[in-house]
Amino acid sequence: MRYMLLLYGDEKLSEGATPEDWQATIEGHNAWTQEAIDRGMKPSGDALQPVATAKTVRFENTQPTLTTDGPFAETKEQLGGFYIIDCESEAEALEMAAKLPMLTGSVEVRPVIEF
């Protein structure tokens, strides 16, 4: 069984990080990834653009009803999984999000940082 590890943090706290802090963080992630490889865990992942770049498509009764800025999900909603798709534009990504077979809830669409 595979697991997705969603890394949450306070973006405001990272704004004051120095280049050395970022380099140490990247090296720590690289070391963690190497350990996961060595243990046969087949890791894959990406960092996400800041939350300000996110869009949310809301559904009601199987129909997309509203697209808003940000991941402002109701506290009663929980993350249940994710897809990574390669799109030509944000509009295409939002179009695909609106096509997901959702009964209710929301889909957060956020660009991936390309390193």
N, C-alpha and C. Protein backbone atom coordinates (compact mmCIF):
# COMPACT_ATOMS: atom_id res chain seq x y z
N MET A 1 0.86 -1.18 0.00
CA MET A 1 0.00 0.00 0.00
C MET A 1 0.90 1.24 0.00
N ARG A 2 0.57 2.14 -0.83
CA ARG A 2 1.33 3.39 -0.87
C ARG A 2 0.65 4.43 0.03
N TYR A 3 1.43 5.33 0.54
CA TYR A 3 0.91 6.43 1.36
C TYR A 3 1.41 7.75 0.78
N MET A 4 0.57 8.72 0.85
CA MET A 4 0.96 10.08 0.47
C MET A 4 1.21 10.85 1.75
N LEU A 5 2.35 11.43 1.84
CA LEU A 5 2.69 12.25 3.02
C LEU A 5 2.51 13.72 2.63
N LEU A 6 1.48 14.33 3.17
CA LEU A 6 1.21 15.73 2.88
C LEU A 6 1.90 16.59 3.92
N LEU A 7 2.80 17.37 3.47
CA LEU A 7 3.61 18.19 4.38
C LEU A 7 2.97 19.58 4.52
N TYR A 8 2.48 19.86 5.72
CA TYR A 8 1.85 21.15 6.00
C TYR A 8 2.80 22.00 6.83
N GLY A 9 2.80 23.28 6.59
CA GLY A 9 3.63 24.20 7.35
C GLY A 9 3.07 25.61 7.23
N ASP A 10 3.63 26.50 8.01
CA ASP A 10 3.23 27.90 7.98
C ASP A 10 4.12 28.63 6.99
N GLU A 11 3.58 28.99 5.84
CA GLU A 11 4.36 29.66 4.80
C GLU A 11 5.00 30.96 5.31
N LYS A 12 4.31 31.65 6.21
CA LYS A 12 4.85 32.91 6.74
C LYS A 12 6.14 32.68 7.52
N LEU A 13 6.24 31.53 8.19
CA LEU A 13 7.44 31.24 8.96
C LEU A 13 8.64 30.97 8.05
N SER A 14 8.40 30.45 6.84
CA SER A 14 9.51 30.14 5.94
C SER A 14 9.98 31.36 5.15
N GLU A 15 9.23 32.46 5.19
CA GLU A 15 9.63 33.66 4.44
C GLU A 15 10.97 34.21 4.90
N GLY A 16 11.31 34.03 6.18
CA GLY A 16 12.56 34.56 6.71
C GLY A 16 13.73 33.60 6.59
N ALA A 17 13.53 32.46 5.93
CA ALA A 17 14.60 31.47 5.82
C ALA A 17 15.72 31.99 4.92
N THR A 18 16.94 31.71 5.32
CA THR A 18 18.11 32.12 4.53
C THR A 18 18.37 31.08 3.44
N PRO A 19 19.18 31.44 2.45
CA PRO A 19 19.56 30.44 1.44
C PRO A 19 20.20 29.20 2.07
N GLU A 20 20.96 29.41 3.15
CA GLU A 20 21.57 28.27 3.85
C GLU A 20 20.51 27.38 4.49
N ASP A 21 19.47 28.01 5.06
CA ASP A 21 18.36 27.24 5.62
C ASP A 21 17.70 26.40 4.55
N TRP A 22 17.43 27.01 3.38
CA TRP A 22 16.80 26.28 2.29
C TRP A 22 17.68 25.13 1.80
N GLN A 23 18.98 25.40 1.69
CA GLN A 23 19.91 24.35 1.24
C GLN A 23 19.93 23.18 2.23
N ALA A 24 19.95 23.48 3.52
CA ALA A 24 19.94 22.41 4.53
C ALA A 24 18.63 21.62 4.46
N THR A 25 17.53 22.33 4.21
CA THR A 25 16.24 21.66 4.09
C THR A 25 16.21 20.74 2.87
N ILE A 26 16.70 21.24 1.76
CA ILE A 26 16.75 20.42 0.54
C ILE A 26 17.63 19.19 0.75
N GLU A 27 18.78 19.39 1.39
CA GLU A 27 19.68 18.25 1.67
C GLU A 27 19.00 17.24 2.59
N GLY A 28 18.24 17.73 3.57
CA GLY A 28 17.50 16.84 4.46
C GLY A 28 16.46 16.03 3.70
N HIS A 29 15.76 16.69 2.79
CA HIS A 29 14.78 15.97 1.96
C HIS A 29 15.47 14.95 1.06
N ASN A 30 16.63 15.33 0.51
CA ASN A 30 17.37 14.39 -0.33
C ASN A 30 17.82 13.16 0.47
N ALA A 31 18.27 13.38 1.70
CA ALA A 31 18.69 12.26 2.55
C ALA A 31 17.49 11.38 2.90
N TRP A 32 16.35 12.00 3.23
CA TRP A 32 15.14 11.24 3.53
C TRP A 32 14.72 10.40 2.32
N THR A 33 14.78 11.03 1.15
CA THR A 33 14.41 10.32 -0.08
C THR A 33 15.35 9.15 -0.33
N GLN A 34 16.65 9.34 -0.11
CA GLN A 34 17.60 8.25 -0.32
C GLN A 34 17.33 7.10 0.64
N GLU A 35 17.00 7.41 1.89
CA GLU A 35 16.66 6.35 2.83
C GLU A 35 15.43 5.58 2.37
N ALA A 36 14.42 6.31 1.91
CA ALA A 36 13.20 5.66 1.41
C ALA A 36 13.52 4.78 0.21
N ILE A 37 14.40 5.22 -0.66
CA ILE A 37 14.83 4.40 -1.81
C ILE A 37 15.53 3.15 -1.31
N ASP A 38 16.47 3.35 -0.38
CA ASP A 38 17.24 2.23 0.17
C ASP A 38 16.33 1.20 0.84
N ARG A 39 15.21 1.64 1.39
CA ARG A 39 14.28 0.74 2.07
C ARG A 39 13.21 0.18 1.13
N GLY A 40 13.35 0.49 -0.15
CA GLY A 40 12.43 -0.06 -1.15
C GLY A 40 11.06 0.59 -1.18
N MET A 41 10.96 1.83 -0.74
CA MET A 41 9.66 2.50 -0.64
C MET A 41 9.24 3.22 -1.92
N LYS A 42 10.08 3.22 -2.94
CA LYS A 42 9.77 3.83 -4.25
C LYS A 42 9.17 5.23 -4.11
N PRO A 43 9.87 6.17 -3.48
CA PRO A 43 9.29 7.49 -3.25
C PRO A 43 9.14 8.31 -4.52
N SER A 44 8.10 9.14 -4.56
CA SER A 44 7.95 10.17 -5.58
C SER A 44 7.20 11.32 -4.93
N GLY A 45 7.43 12.50 -5.39
CA GLY A 45 6.75 13.65 -4.81
C GLY A 45 7.23 14.94 -5.42
N ASP A 46 6.58 16.00 -5.04
CA ASP A 46 6.91 17.34 -5.51
C ASP A 46 6.54 18.36 -4.46
N ALA A 47 7.18 19.50 -4.51
CA ALA A 47 6.80 20.64 -3.67
C ALA A 47 5.72 21.42 -4.42
N LEU A 48 4.83 22.07 -3.69
CA LEU A 48 3.74 22.83 -4.29
C LEU A 48 4.01 24.32 -4.25
N GLN A 49 3.47 25.03 -5.21
CA GLN A 49 3.51 26.49 -5.20
C GLN A 49 2.77 26.96 -3.93
N PRO A 50 2.99 28.20 -3.50
CA PRO A 50 2.31 28.70 -2.31
C PRO A 50 0.79 28.61 -2.43
N VAL A 51 0.13 28.55 -1.30
CA VAL A 51 -1.32 28.39 -1.23
C VAL A 51 -2.05 29.49 -1.99
N ALA A 52 -1.45 30.65 -2.13
CA ALA A 52 -2.09 31.74 -2.87
C ALA A 52 -2.29 31.41 -4.34
N THR A 53 -1.59 30.41 -4.88
CA THR A 53 -1.75 30.02 -6.28
C THR A 53 -2.84 28.98 -6.49
N ALA A 54 -3.42 28.46 -5.40
CA ALA A 54 -4.41 27.38 -5.49
C ALA A 54 -5.78 27.88 -5.93
N LYS A 55 -6.53 26.99 -6.55
CA LYS A 55 -7.93 27.22 -6.90
C LYS A 55 -8.71 26.02 -6.38
N THR A 56 -9.98 26.21 -6.03
CA THR A 56 -10.84 25.13 -5.55
C THR A 56 -12.11 25.11 -6.39
N VAL A 57 -12.46 23.94 -6.90
CA VAL A 57 -13.72 23.73 -7.61
C VAL A 57 -14.66 23.03 -6.64
N ARG A 58 -15.79 23.64 -6.33
CA ARG A 58 -16.76 23.07 -5.39
C ARG A 58 -17.86 22.34 -6.16
N PHE A 59 -18.36 21.28 -5.54
CA PHE A 59 -19.40 20.45 -6.13
C PHE A 59 -20.61 20.40 -5.21
N GLU A 60 -21.77 20.31 -5.80
CA GLU A 60 -23.01 20.07 -5.06
C GLU A 60 -23.90 19.20 -5.93
N ASN A 61 -24.32 18.07 -5.39
CA ASN A 61 -25.17 17.14 -6.14
C ASN A 61 -24.54 16.75 -7.48
N THR A 62 -23.27 16.42 -7.45
CA THR A 62 -22.47 15.95 -8.59
C THR A 62 -22.12 17.02 -9.61
N GLN A 63 -22.51 18.28 -9.39
CA GLN A 63 -22.26 19.34 -10.35
C GLN A 63 -21.24 20.34 -9.82
N PRO A 64 -20.25 20.72 -10.65
CA PRO A 64 -19.34 21.80 -10.22
C PRO A 64 -20.14 23.09 -10.11
N THR A 65 -20.02 23.76 -8.96
CA THR A 65 -20.86 24.92 -8.71
C THR A 65 -20.10 26.23 -8.58
N LEU A 66 -18.82 26.17 -8.19
CA LEU A 66 -18.11 27.41 -7.88
C LEU A 66 -16.61 27.15 -7.93
N THR A 67 -15.85 28.08 -8.54
CA THR A 67 -14.39 28.04 -8.50
C THR A 67 -13.93 29.26 -7.73
N THR A 68 -13.10 29.04 -6.69
CA THR A 68 -12.62 30.14 -5.86
C THR A 68 -11.11 30.08 -5.73
N ASP A 69 -10.52 31.19 -5.35
CA ASP A 69 -9.09 31.22 -5.03
C ASP A 69 -8.86 30.50 -3.73
N GLY A 70 -7.73 29.79 -3.65
CA GLY A 70 -7.31 29.19 -2.39
C GLY A 70 -7.97 27.86 -2.09
N PRO A 71 -7.41 27.17 -1.10
CA PRO A 71 -7.91 25.86 -0.69
C PRO A 71 -8.83 25.96 0.51
N PHE A 72 -9.70 26.93 0.53
CA PHE A 72 -10.48 27.22 1.72
C PHE A 72 -11.55 26.18 1.95
N ALA A 73 -11.12 24.96 2.23
CA ALA A 73 -12.04 23.84 2.45
C ALA A 73 -12.70 23.96 3.81
N GLU A 74 -13.93 23.52 3.88
CA GLU A 74 -14.62 23.46 5.16
C GLU A 74 -13.85 22.51 6.07
N THR A 75 -13.86 22.79 7.37
CA THR A 75 -13.12 21.95 8.29
C THR A 75 -13.67 20.53 8.34
N LYS A 76 -14.89 20.35 7.89
CA LYS A 76 -15.47 19.01 7.88
C LYS A 76 -14.95 18.17 6.71
N GLU A 77 -14.23 18.78 5.77
CA GLU A 77 -13.68 18.05 4.64
C GLU A 77 -12.29 17.52 4.97
N GLN A 78 -11.99 16.33 4.52
CA GLN A 78 -10.66 15.75 4.70
C GLN A 78 -10.10 15.40 3.33
N LEU A 79 -8.80 15.46 3.22
CA LEU A 79 -8.13 15.07 1.98
C LEU A 79 -8.22 13.57 1.83
N GLY A 80 -8.69 13.10 0.70
CA GLY A 80 -8.85 11.67 0.48
C GLY A 80 -7.92 11.10 -0.56
N GLY A 81 -7.19 11.90 -1.27
CA GLY A 81 -6.27 11.42 -2.30
C GLY A 81 -5.88 12.55 -3.23
N PHE A 82 -5.06 12.22 -4.23
CA PHE A 82 -4.66 13.25 -5.18
C PHE A 82 -4.31 12.64 -6.52
N TYR A 83 -4.41 13.44 -7.54
CA TYR A 83 -3.94 13.13 -8.89
C TYR A 83 -2.89 14.17 -9.26
N ILE A 84 -1.93 13.77 -10.06
CA ILE A 84 -1.03 14.73 -10.70
C ILE A 84 -1.28 14.62 -12.19
N ILE A 85 -1.62 15.71 -12.79
CA ILE A 85 -1.88 15.73 -14.23
C ILE A 85 -1.03 16.81 -14.88
N ASP A 86 -0.64 16.61 -16.13
CA ASP A 86 0.18 17.54 -16.89
C ASP A 86 -0.74 18.32 -17.82
N CYS A 87 -0.91 19.61 -17.56
CA CYS A 87 -1.84 20.45 -18.32
C CYS A 87 -1.10 21.58 -19.01
N GLU A 88 -1.72 22.07 -20.05
CA GLU A 88 -1.16 23.21 -20.79
C GLU A 88 -1.37 24.53 -20.05
N SER A 89 -2.42 24.60 -19.22
CA SER A 89 -2.75 25.86 -18.55
C SER A 89 -3.55 25.59 -17.27
N GLU A 90 -3.68 26.63 -16.45
CA GLU A 90 -4.50 26.53 -15.26
C GLU A 90 -5.96 26.26 -15.63
N ALA A 91 -6.42 26.89 -16.71
CA ALA A 91 -7.80 26.67 -17.15
C ALA A 91 -8.05 25.21 -17.49
N GLU A 92 -7.09 24.58 -18.13
CA GLU A 92 -7.23 23.16 -18.47
C GLU A 92 -7.27 22.31 -17.19
N ALA A 93 -6.42 22.65 -16.21
CA ALA A 93 -6.41 21.92 -14.94
C ALA A 93 -7.76 22.08 -14.23
N LEU A 94 -8.32 23.30 -14.23
CA LEU A 94 -9.62 23.53 -13.59
C LEU A 94 -10.73 22.79 -14.34
N GLU A 95 -10.62 22.72 -15.65
CA GLU A 95 -11.59 21.96 -16.44
C GLU A 95 -11.57 20.49 -16.04
N MET A 96 -10.37 19.94 -15.90
CA MET A 96 -10.25 18.54 -15.52
C MET A 96 -10.77 18.31 -14.09
N ALA A 97 -10.50 19.27 -13.19
CA ALA A 97 -10.99 19.14 -11.82
C ALA A 97 -12.52 19.10 -11.80
N ALA A 98 -13.13 19.90 -12.65
CA ALA A 98 -14.60 19.95 -12.70
C ALA A 98 -15.20 18.66 -13.26
N LYS A 99 -14.39 17.85 -13.95
CA LYS A 99 -14.88 16.59 -14.52
C LYS A 99 -14.74 15.40 -13.57
N LEU A 100 -14.12 15.60 -12.42
CA LEU A 100 -13.96 14.48 -11.49
C LEU A 100 -15.32 14.01 -10.98
N PRO A 101 -15.48 12.70 -10.77
CA PRO A 101 -16.77 12.16 -10.30
C PRO A 101 -16.96 12.37 -8.80
N MET A 102 -17.27 13.60 -8.43
CA MET A 102 -17.45 13.97 -7.03
C MET A 102 -18.93 14.04 -6.69
N LEU A 103 -19.30 13.43 -5.57
CA LEU A 103 -20.69 13.56 -5.12
C LEU A 103 -20.89 14.89 -4.42
N THR A 104 -19.94 15.28 -3.62
CA THR A 104 -19.96 16.55 -2.89
C THR A 104 -18.52 16.83 -2.48
N GLY A 105 -18.22 18.00 -1.95
CA GLY A 105 -16.87 18.33 -1.51
C GLY A 105 -16.19 19.29 -2.45
N SER A 106 -14.85 19.20 -2.53
CA SER A 106 -14.09 20.13 -3.35
C SER A 106 -12.81 19.48 -3.86
N VAL A 107 -12.26 20.05 -4.91
CA VAL A 107 -10.98 19.62 -5.46
C VAL A 107 -10.09 20.85 -5.47
N GLU A 108 -8.95 20.77 -4.77
CA GLU A 108 -7.98 21.86 -4.78
C GLU A 108 -7.04 21.64 -5.95
N VAL A 109 -6.82 22.68 -6.75
CA VAL A 109 -5.91 22.63 -7.89
C VAL A 109 -4.77 23.59 -7.60
N ARG A 110 -3.52 23.05 -7.55
CA ARG A 110 -2.37 23.88 -7.20
C ARG A 110 -1.21 23.54 -8.11
N PRO A 111 -0.52 24.54 -8.66
CA PRO A 111 0.65 24.27 -9.51
C PRO A 111 1.78 23.63 -8.69
N VAL A 112 2.57 22.81 -9.37
CA VAL A 112 3.75 22.18 -8.77
C VAL A 112 4.97 23.02 -9.09
N ILE A 113 5.84 23.21 -8.12
CA ILE A 113 7.11 23.92 -8.35
C ILE A 113 8.00 23.03 -9.19
N GLU A 114 8.54 23.55 -10.26
CA GLU A 114 9.49 22.82 -11.10
C GLU A 114 10.90 23.17 -10.65
N PHE A 115 11.61 22.17 -10.12
CA PHE A 115 12.99 22.40 -9.65
C PHE A 115 13.97 22.12 -10.76
